[in-house]
Amino acid sequence: SFTASAGPGLSLMMEAIGLSGMTETPFVVINTQRGGPST
């Protein structure tokens, strides 16, 4: 399974990405970078 987002969405996912690493659960995330900062 996977998800896809851009910079602002990835900011919201950071705790979940940490959960994936801490629990050693595979997790693919796609970040389609766009202009920033913030929204």
All heavy atoms as atom14 arrays in JSON, in Angstrom:
{
  "sequence": "SFTASAGPGLSLMMEAIGLSGMTETPFVVINTQRGGPST",
  "atom14_mask": [
    [1, 1, 1, 1, 1, 1, 0, 0, 0, 0, 0, 0, 0, 0],
    [1, 1, 1, 1, 1, 1, 1, 1, 1, 1, 1, 0, 0, 0],
    [1, 1, 1, 1, 1, 1, 1, 0, 0, 0, 0, 0, 0, 0],
    [1, 1, 1, 1, 1, 0, 0, 0, 0, 0, 0, 0, 0, 0],
    [1, 1, 1, 1, 1, 1, 0, 0, 0, 0, 0, 0, 0, 0],
    [1, 1, 1, 1, 1, 0, 0, 0, 0, 0, 0, 0, 0, 0],
    [1, 1, 1, 1, 0, 0, 0, 0, 0, 0, 0, 0, 0, 0],
    [1, 1, 1, 1, 1, 1, 1, 0, 0, 0, 0, 0, 0, 0],
    [1, 1, 1, 1, 0, 0, 0, 0, 0, 0, 0, 0, 0, 0],
    [1, 1, 1, 1, 1, 1, 1, 1, 0, 0, 0, 0, 0, 0],
    [1, 1, 1, 1, 1, 1, 0, 0, 0, 0, 0, 0, 0, 0],
    [1, 1, 1, 1, 1, 1, 1, 1, 0, 0, 0, 0, 0, 0],
    [1, 1, 1, 1, 1, 1, 1, 1, 0, 0, 0, 0, 0, 0],
    [1, 1, 1, 1, 1, 1, 1, 1, 0, 0, 0, 0, 0, 0],
    [1, 1, 1, 1, 1, 1, 1, 1, 1, 0, 0, 0, 0, 0],
    [1, 1, 1, 1, 1, 0, 0, 0, 0, 0, 0, 0, 0, 0],
    [1, 1, 1, 1, 1, 1, 1, 1, 0, 0, 0, 0, 0, 0],
    [1, 1, 1, 1, 0, 0, 0, 0, 0, 0, 0, 0, 0, 0],
    [1, 1, 1, 1, 1, 1, 1, 1, 0, 0, 0, 0, 0, 0],
    [1, 1, 1, 1, 1, 1, 0, 0, 0, 0, 0, 0, 0, 0],
    [1, 1, 1, 1, 0, 0, 0, 0, 0, 0, 0, 0, 0, 0],
    [1, 1, 1, 1, 1, 1, 1, 1, 0, 0, 0, 0, 0, 0],
    [1, 1, 1, 1, 1, 1, 1, 0, 0, 0, 0, 0, 0, 0],
    [1, 1, 1, 1, 1, 1, 1, 1, 1, 0, 0, 0, 0, 0],
    [1, 1, 1, 1, 1, 1, 1, 0, 0, 0, 0, 0, 0, 0],
    [1, 1, 1, 1, 1, 1, 1, 0, 0, 0, 0, 0, 0, 0],
    [1, 1, 1, 1, 1, 1, 1, 1, 1, 1, 1, 0, 0, 0],
    [1, 1, 1, 1, 1, 1, 1, 0, 0, 0, 0, 0, 0, 0],
    [1, 1, 1, 1, 1, 1, 1, 0, 0, 0, 0, 0, 0, 0],
    [1, 1, 1, 1, 1, 1, 1, 1, 0, 0, 0, 0, 0, 0],
    [1, 1, 1, 1, 1, 1, 1, 1, 0, 0, 0, 0, 0, 0],
    [1, 1, 1, 1, 1, 1, 1, 0, 0, 0, 0, 0, 0, 0],
    [1, 1, 1, 1, 1, 1, 1, 1, 1, 0, 0, 0, 0, 0],
    [1, 1, 1, 1, 1, 1, 1, 1, 1, 1, 1, 0, 0, 0],
    [1, 1, 1, 1, 0, 0, 0, 0, 0, 0, 0, 0, 0, 0],
    [1, 1, 1, 1, 0, 0, 0, 0, 0, 0, 0, 0, 0, 0],
    [1, 1, 1, 1, 1, 1, 1, 0, 0, 0, 0, 0, 0, 0],
    [1, 1, 1, 1, 1, 1, 0, 0, 0, 0, 0, 0, 0, 0],
    [1, 1, 1, 1, 1, 1, 1, 0, 0, 0, 0, 0, 0, 0]
  ],
  "atom14_positions": [
    [[0.84, -1.2, 0.0], [0.0, 0.0, 0.0], [0.87, 1.24, 0.0], [2.03, 1.21, 0.41], [-0.91, 0.01, 1.23], [-1.6, -1.23, 1.36], [0.0, 0.0, 0.0], [0.0, 0.0, 0.0], [0.0, 0.0, 0.0], [0.0, 0.0, 0.0], [0.0, 0.0, 0.0], [0.0, 0.0, 0.0], [0.0, 0.0, 0.0], [0.0, 0.0, 0.0]],
    [[0.28, 2.35, -0.43], [1.04, 3.6, -0.48], [0.11, 4.8, -0.44], [-1.12, 4.67, -0.51], [1.92, 3.64, -1.73], [1.17, 3.92, -3.02], [1.28, 5.15, -3.65], [0.37, 2.94, -3.62], [0.62, 5.41, -4.84], [-0.29, 3.19, -4.8], [-0.18, 4.43, -5.42], [0.0, 0.0, 0.0], [0.0, 0.0, 0.0], [0.0, 0.0, 0.0]],
    [[0.71, 5.98, -0.35], [-0.03, 7.23, -0.46], [0.8, 8.2, -1.28], [2.0, 7.97, -1.52], [-0.36, 7.82, 0.92], [-1.27, 8.91, 0.76], [0.89, 8.32, 1.63], [0.0, 0.0, 0.0], [0.0, 0.0, 0.0], [0.0, 0.0, 0.0], [0.0, 0.0, 0.0], [0.0, 0.0, 0.0], [0.0, 0.0, 0.0], [0.0, 0.0, 0.0]],
    [[0.17, 9.29, -1.73], [0.86, 10.31, -2.52], [0.36, 11.68, -2.1], [-0.83, 11.86, -1.84], [0.63, 10.1, -4.01], [0.0, 0.0, 0.0], [0.0, 0.0, 0.0], [0.0, 0.0, 0.0], [0.0, 0.0, 0.0], [0.0, 0.0, 0.0], [0.0, 0.0, 0.0], [0.0, 0.0, 0.0], [0.0, 0.0, 0.0], [0.0, 0.0, 0.0]],
    [[1.27, 12.64, -2.04], [0.89, 13.99, -1.63], [1.93, 14.97, -2.13], [2.78, 14.64, -2.97], [0.76, 14.05, -0.1], [0.19, 15.28, 0.3], [0.0, 0.0, 0.0], [0.0, 0.0, 0.0], [0.0, 0.0, 0.0], [0.0, 0.0, 0.0], [0.0, 0.0, 0.0], [0.0, 0.0, 0.0], [0.0, 0.0, 0.0], [0.0, 0.0, 0.0]],
    [[1.88, 16.21, -1.61], [2.89, 17.23, -1.88], [3.38, 17.78, -0.55], [2.96, 17.31, 0.51], [2.3, 18.33, -2.75], [0.0, 0.0, 0.0], [0.0, 0.0, 0.0], [0.0, 0.0, 0.0], [0.0, 0.0, 0.0], [0.0, 0.0, 0.0], [0.0, 0.0, 0.0], [0.0, 0.0, 0.0], [0.0, 0.0, 0.0], [0.0, 0.0, 0.0]],
    [[4.26, 18.76, -0.58], [4.9, 19.27, 0.62], [4.01, 19.49, 1.83], [4.27, 18.94, 2.92], [0.0, 0.0, 0.0], [0.0, 0.0, 0.0], [0.0, 0.0, 0.0], [0.0, 0.0, 0.0], [0.0, 0.0, 0.0], [0.0, 0.0, 0.0], [0.0, 0.0, 0.0], [0.0, 0.0, 0.0], [0.0, 0.0, 0.0], [0.0, 0.0, 0.0]],
    [[2.93, 20.27, 1.7], [2.05, 20.51, 2.86], [1.46, 19.22, 3.43], [1.35, 19.06, 4.65], [0.96, 21.41, 2.29], [1.6, 22.1, 1.14], [2.53, 21.09, 0.55], [0.0, 0.0, 0.0], [0.0, 0.0, 0.0], [0.0, 0.0, 0.0], [0.0, 0.0, 0.0], [0.0, 0.0, 0.0], [0.0, 0.0, 0.0], [0.0, 0.0, 0.0]],
    [[1.08, 18.29, 2.56], [0.53, 17.01, 3.02], [1.57, 16.17, 3.72], [1.29, 15.48, 4.71], [0.0, 0.0, 0.0], [0.0, 0.0, 0.0], [0.0, 0.0, 0.0], [0.0, 0.0, 0.0], [0.0, 0.0, 0.0], [0.0, 0.0, 0.0], [0.0, 0.0, 0.0], [0.0, 0.0, 0.0], [0.0, 0.0, 0.0], [0.0, 0.0, 0.0]],
    [[2.82, 16.21, 3.2], [3.9, 15.45, 3.83], [4.2, 15.97, 5.23], [4.56, 15.21, 6.12], [5.16, 15.49, 2.96], [5.38, 14.33, 1.98], [5.69, 13.05, 2.72], [4.19, 14.13, 1.06], [0.0, 0.0, 0.0], [0.0, 0.0, 0.0], [0.0, 0.0, 0.0], [0.0, 0.0, 0.0], [0.0, 0.0, 0.0], [0.0, 0.0, 0.0]],
    [[4.04, 17.28, 5.43], [4.24, 17.84, 6.77], [3.27, 17.2, 7.76], [3.64, 16.88, 8.89], [4.04, 19.36, 6.74], [4.99, 19.97, 5.89], [0.0, 0.0, 0.0], [0.0, 0.0, 0.0], [0.0, 0.0, 0.0], [0.0, 0.0, 0.0], [0.0, 0.0, 0.0], [0.0, 0.0, 0.0], [0.0, 0.0, 0.0], [0.0, 0.0, 0.0]],
    [[2.03, 17.0, 7.33], [1.03, 16.4, 8.19], [1.31, 14.92, 8.44], [0.9, 14.36, 9.46], [-0.36, 16.55, 7.57], [-0.9, 17.99, 7.45], [-2.19, 17.99, 6.66], [-1.11, 18.6, 8.82], [0.0, 0.0, 0.0], [0.0, 0.0, 0.0], [0.0, 0.0, 0.0], [0.0, 0.0, 0.0], [0.0, 0.0, 0.0], [0.0, 0.0, 0.0]],
    [[2.02, 14.28, 7.52], [2.27, 12.84, 7.63], [3.47, 12.48, 8.5], [3.73, 11.3, 8.73], [2.5, 12.24, 6.23], [1.29, 12.24, 5.32], [1.74, 11.49, 3.74], [0.23, 11.8, 2.8], [0.0, 0.0, 0.0], [0.0, 0.0, 0.0], [0.0, 0.0, 0.0], [0.0, 0.0, 0.0], [0.0, 0.0, 0.0], [0.0, 0.0, 0.0]],
    [[4.22, 13.45, 8.97], [5.5, 13.15, 9.61], [5.38, 12.21, 10.8], [6.21, 11.32, 10.99], [6.21, 14.44, 10.02], [6.93, 15.11, 8.87], [8.13, 13.99, 8.09], [8.38, 14.83, 6.54], [0.0, 0.0, 0.0], [0.0, 0.0, 0.0], [0.0, 0.0, 0.0], [0.0, 0.0, 0.0], [0.0, 0.0, 0.0], [0.0, 0.0, 0.0]],
    [[4.35, 12.38, 11.63], [4.2, 11.49, 12.77], [3.93, 10.06, 12.32], [4.45, 9.09, 12.88], [3.09, 11.97, 13.69], [3.01, 11.18, 14.99], [1.94, 11.7, 15.95], [1.15, 12.58, 15.55], [1.9, 11.21, 17.09], [0.0, 0.0, 0.0], [0.0, 0.0, 0.0], [0.0, 0.0, 0.0], [0.0, 0.0, 0.0], [0.0, 0.0, 0.0]],
    [[3.11, 9.94, 11.26], [2.81, 8.61, 10.73], [4.04, 7.96, 10.11], [4.26, 6.75, 10.25], [1.69, 8.7, 9.69], [0.0, 0.0, 0.0], [0.0, 0.0, 0.0], [0.0, 0.0, 0.0], [0.0, 0.0, 0.0], [0.0, 0.0, 0.0], [0.0, 0.0, 0.0], [0.0, 0.0, 0.0], [0.0, 0.0, 0.0], [0.0, 0.0, 0.0]],
    [[4.86, 8.75, 9.42], [6.1, 8.21, 8.85], [6.99, 7.7, 9.98], [7.64, 6.66, 9.88], [6.81, 9.28, 8.0], [5.98, 9.57, 6.74], [8.21, 8.81, 7.6], [6.48, 10.74, 5.92], [0.0, 0.0, 0.0], [0.0, 0.0, 0.0], [0.0, 0.0, 0.0], [0.0, 0.0, 0.0], [0.0, 0.0, 0.0], [0.0, 0.0, 0.0]],
    [[7.02, 8.43, 11.1], [7.76, 7.97, 12.27], [7.21, 6.67, 12.81], [7.95, 5.78, 13.24], [0.0, 0.0, 0.0], [0.0, 0.0, 0.0], [0.0, 0.0, 0.0], [0.0, 0.0, 0.0], [0.0, 0.0, 0.0], [0.0, 0.0, 0.0], [0.0, 0.0, 0.0], [0.0, 0.0, 0.0], [0.0, 0.0, 0.0], [0.0, 0.0, 0.0]],
    [[5.87, 6.52, 12.78], [5.23, 5.28, 13.23], [5.69, 4.1, 12.37], [5.99, 3.02, 12.87], [3.71, 5.42, 13.18], [2.89, 4.16, 13.47], [3.07, 3.72, 14.92], [1.41, 4.41, 13.16], [0.0, 0.0, 0.0], [0.0, 0.0, 0.0], [0.0, 0.0, 0.0], [0.0, 0.0, 0.0], [0.0, 0.0, 0.0], [0.0, 0.0, 0.0]],
    [[5.73, 4.33, 11.04], [6.2, 3.29, 10.12], [7.61, 2.85, 10.47], [7.92, 1.66, 10.53], [6.14, 3.8, 8.68], [6.89, 2.98, 7.81], [0.0, 0.0, 0.0], [0.0, 0.0, 0.0], [0.0, 0.0, 0.0], [0.0, 0.0, 0.0], [0.0, 0.0, 0.0], [0.0, 0.0, 0.0], [0.0, 0.0, 0.0], [0.0, 0.0, 0.0]],
    [[8.49, 3.84, 10.73], [9.87, 3.51, 11.07], [9.99, 2.82, 12.42], [10.74, 1.84, 12.56], [0.0, 0.0, 0.0], [0.0, 0.0, 0.0], [0.0, 0.0, 0.0], [0.0, 0.0, 0.0], [0.0, 0.0, 0.0], [0.0, 0.0, 0.0], [0.0, 0.0, 0.0], [0.0, 0.0, 0.0], [0.0, 0.0, 0.0], [0.0, 0.0, 0.0]],
    [[9.24, 3.31, 13.42], [9.34, 2.75, 14.77], [8.83, 1.31, 14.83], [9.41, 0.45, 15.5], [8.54, 3.61, 15.75], [8.64, 3.19, 17.21], [7.61, 4.2, 18.28], [5.97, 3.63, 17.85], [0.0, 0.0, 0.0], [0.0, 0.0, 0.0], [0.0, 0.0, 0.0], [0.0, 0.0, 0.0], [0.0, 0.0, 0.0], [0.0, 0.0, 0.0]],
    [[7.75, 1.03, 14.08], [7.15, -0.31, 14.12], [7.71, -1.23, 13.03], [7.26, -2.37, 12.89], [5.62, -0.21, 13.94], [5.34, 0.44, 12.69], [4.99, 0.58, 15.08], [0.0, 0.0, 0.0], [0.0, 0.0, 0.0], [0.0, 0.0, 0.0], [0.0, 0.0, 0.0], [0.0, 0.0, 0.0], [0.0, 0.0, 0.0], [0.0, 0.0, 0.0]],
    [[8.66, -0.69, 12.23], [9.25, -1.46, 11.14], [8.19, -2.02, 10.2], [8.17, -3.2, 9.86], [10.15, -2.59, 11.69], [11.3, -2.07, 12.53], [12.23, -3.16, 13.03], [12.09, -4.31, 12.59], [13.11, -2.85, 13.84], [0.0, 0.0, 0.0], [0.0, 0.0, 0.0], [0.0, 0.0, 0.0], [0.0, 0.0, 0.0], [0.0, 0.0, 0.0]],
    [[7.3, -1.1, 9.78], [6.23, -1.44, 8.84], [6.54, -0.8, 7.49], [6.76, 0.41, 7.42], [4.87, -0.92, 9.34], [4.64, -1.42, 10.65], [3.74, -1.35, 8.41], [0.0, 0.0, 0.0], [0.0, 0.0, 0.0], [0.0, 0.0, 0.0], [0.0, 0.0, 0.0], [0.0, 0.0, 0.0], [0.0, 0.0, 0.0], [0.0, 0.0, 0.0]],
    [[6.55, -1.56, 6.39], [6.81, -0.98, 5.07], [5.79, 0.11, 4.74], [4.6, -0.03, 5.06], [6.65, -2.17, 4.12], [6.79, -3.38, 4.97], [6.28, -3.02, 6.32], [0.0, 0.0, 0.0], [0.0, 0.0, 0.0], [0.0, 0.0, 0.0], [0.0, 0.0, 0.0], [0.0, 0.0, 0.0], [0.0, 0.0, 0.0], [0.0, 0.0, 0.0]],
    [[6.24, 1.17, 4.1], [5.33, 2.28, 3.78], [5.96, 3.11, 2.67], [7.02, 3.69, 2.86], [5.1, 3.12, 5.03], [4.19, 4.31, 4.83], [3.09, 4.25, 4.0], [4.45, 5.51, 5.51], [2.25, 5.35, 3.83], [3.62, 6.6, 5.35], [2.52, 6.53, 4.51], [0.0, 0.0, 0.0], [0.0, 0.0, 0.0], [0.0, 0.0, 0.0]],
    [[5.32, 3.16, 1.5], [5.8, 3.97, 0.37], [5.01, 5.27, 0.31], [3.77, 5.25, 0.32], [5.69, 3.19, -0.96], [6.06, 4.1, -2.14], [6.6, 1.97, -0.94], [0.0, 0.0, 0.0], [0.0, 0.0, 0.0], [0.0, 0.0, 0.0], [0.0, 0.0, 0.0], [0.0, 0.0, 0.0], [0.0, 0.0, 0.0], [0.0, 0.0, 0.0]],
    [[5.73, 6.38, 0.25], [5.12, 7.71, 0.19], [5.67, 8.44, -1.03], [6.89, 8.46, -1.24], [5.43, 8.54, 1.44], [4.66, 9.85, 1.42], [5.13, 7.77, 2.71], [0.0, 0.0, 0.0], [0.0, 0.0, 0.0], [0.0, 0.0, 0.0], [0.0, 0.0, 0.0], [0.0, 0.0, 0.0], [0.0, 0.0, 0.0], [0.0, 0.0, 0.0]],
    [[4.8, 9.05, -1.82], [5.24, 9.83, -2.98], [5.04, 11.3, -2.68], [3.94, 11.74, -2.33], [4.45, 9.44, -4.25], [4.74, 7.97, -4.6], [4.84, 10.32, -5.42], [3.61, 7.27, -5.26], [0.0, 0.0, 0.0], [0.0, 0.0, 0.0], [0.0, 0.0, 0.0], [0.0, 0.0, 0.0], [0.0, 0.0, 0.0], [0.0, 0.0, 0.0]],
    [[6.11, 12.08, -2.8], [6.05, 13.53, -2.59], [6.29, 14.25, -3.9], [7.41, 14.28, -4.41], [7.09, 13.96, -1.55], [7.09, 15.47, -1.32], [6.21, 16.18, -1.79], [8.07, 15.96, -0.58], [0.0, 0.0, 0.0], [0.0, 0.0, 0.0], [0.0, 0.0, 0.0], [0.0, 0.0, 0.0], [0.0, 0.0, 0.0], [0.0, 0.0, 0.0]],
    [[5.24, 14.82, -4.48], [5.37, 15.61, -5.7], [5.59, 17.05, -5.27], [4.64, 17.81, -5.07], [4.1, 15.48, -6.57], [2.97, 15.92, -5.81], [3.86, 14.05, -6.99], [0.0, 0.0, 0.0], [0.0, 0.0, 0.0], [0.0, 0.0, 0.0], [0.0, 0.0, 0.0], [0.0, 0.0, 0.0], [0.0, 0.0, 0.0], [0.0, 0.0, 0.0]],
    [[6.85, 17.45, -5.15], [7.19, 18.76, -4.6], [6.57, 19.9, -5.41], [6.51, 19.84, -6.63], [8.7, 18.93, -4.57], [9.43, 17.92, -3.74], [10.92, 18.03, -3.95], [11.62, 18.73, -3.23], [11.43, 17.34, -4.96], [0.0, 0.0, 0.0], [0.0, 0.0, 0.0], [0.0, 0.0, 0.0], [0.0, 0.0, 0.0], [0.0, 0.0, 0.0]],
    [[6.17, 20.95, -4.69], [5.66, 22.17, -5.31], [6.24, 23.37, -4.58], [7.02, 23.23, -3.66], [4.13, 22.19, -5.27], [3.56, 22.33, -3.86], [2.06, 22.14, -3.86], [1.42, 22.81, -2.73], [0.13, 22.73, -2.46], [-0.65, 22.0, -3.22], [-0.4, 23.38, -1.44], [0.0, 0.0, 0.0], [0.0, 0.0, 0.0], [0.0, 0.0, 0.0]],
    [[5.84, 24.58, -4.99], [6.36, 25.79, -4.37], [5.9, 25.94, -2.93], [4.81, 25.52, -2.56], [0.0, 0.0, 0.0], [0.0, 0.0, 0.0], [0.0, 0.0, 0.0], [0.0, 0.0, 0.0], [0.0, 0.0, 0.0], [0.0, 0.0, 0.0], [0.0, 0.0, 0.0], [0.0, 0.0, 0.0], [0.0, 0.0, 0.0], [0.0, 0.0, 0.0]],
    [[6.73, 26.54, -2.11], [6.4, 26.74, -0.7], [6.94, 28.09, -0.26], [7.36, 28.89, -1.07], [0.0, 0.0, 0.0], [0.0, 0.0, 0.0], [0.0, 0.0, 0.0], [0.0, 0.0, 0.0], [0.0, 0.0, 0.0], [0.0, 0.0, 0.0], [0.0, 0.0, 0.0], [0.0, 0.0, 0.0], [0.0, 0.0, 0.0], [0.0, 0.0, 0.0]],
    [[6.95, 28.35, 1.05], [6.56, 27.45, 2.16], [5.06, 27.45, 2.43], [4.31, 28.08, 1.69], [7.32, 28.05, 3.35], [7.38, 29.51, 3.03], [7.51, 29.6, 1.53], [0.0, 0.0, 0.0], [0.0, 0.0, 0.0], [0.0, 0.0, 0.0], [0.0, 0.0, 0.0], [0.0, 0.0, 0.0], [0.0, 0.0, 0.0], [0.0, 0.0, 0.0]],
    [[4.66, 26.75, 3.5], [3.26, 26.62, 3.93], [2.43, 26.02, 2.8], [2.86, 25.1, 2.12], [2.71, 27.97, 4.39], [1.43, 27.81, 4.96], [0.0, 0.0, 0.0], [0.0, 0.0, 0.0], [0.0, 0.0, 0.0], [0.0, 0.0, 0.0], [0.0, 0.0, 0.0], [0.0, 0.0, 0.0], [0.0, 0.0, 0.0], [0.0, 0.0, 0.0]],
    [[1.21, 26.53, 2.58], [0.38, 25.99, 1.5], [0.98, 26.31, 0.14], [0.72, 25.65, -0.84], [-1.05, 26.55, 1.57], [-0.97, 27.99, 1.6], [-1.75, 26.06, 2.82], [0.0, 0.0, 0.0], [0.0, 0.0, 0.0], [0.0, 0.0, 0.0], [0.0, 0.0, 0.0], [0.0, 0.0, 0.0], [0.0, 0.0, 0.0], [0.0, 0.0, 0.0]]
  ]
}
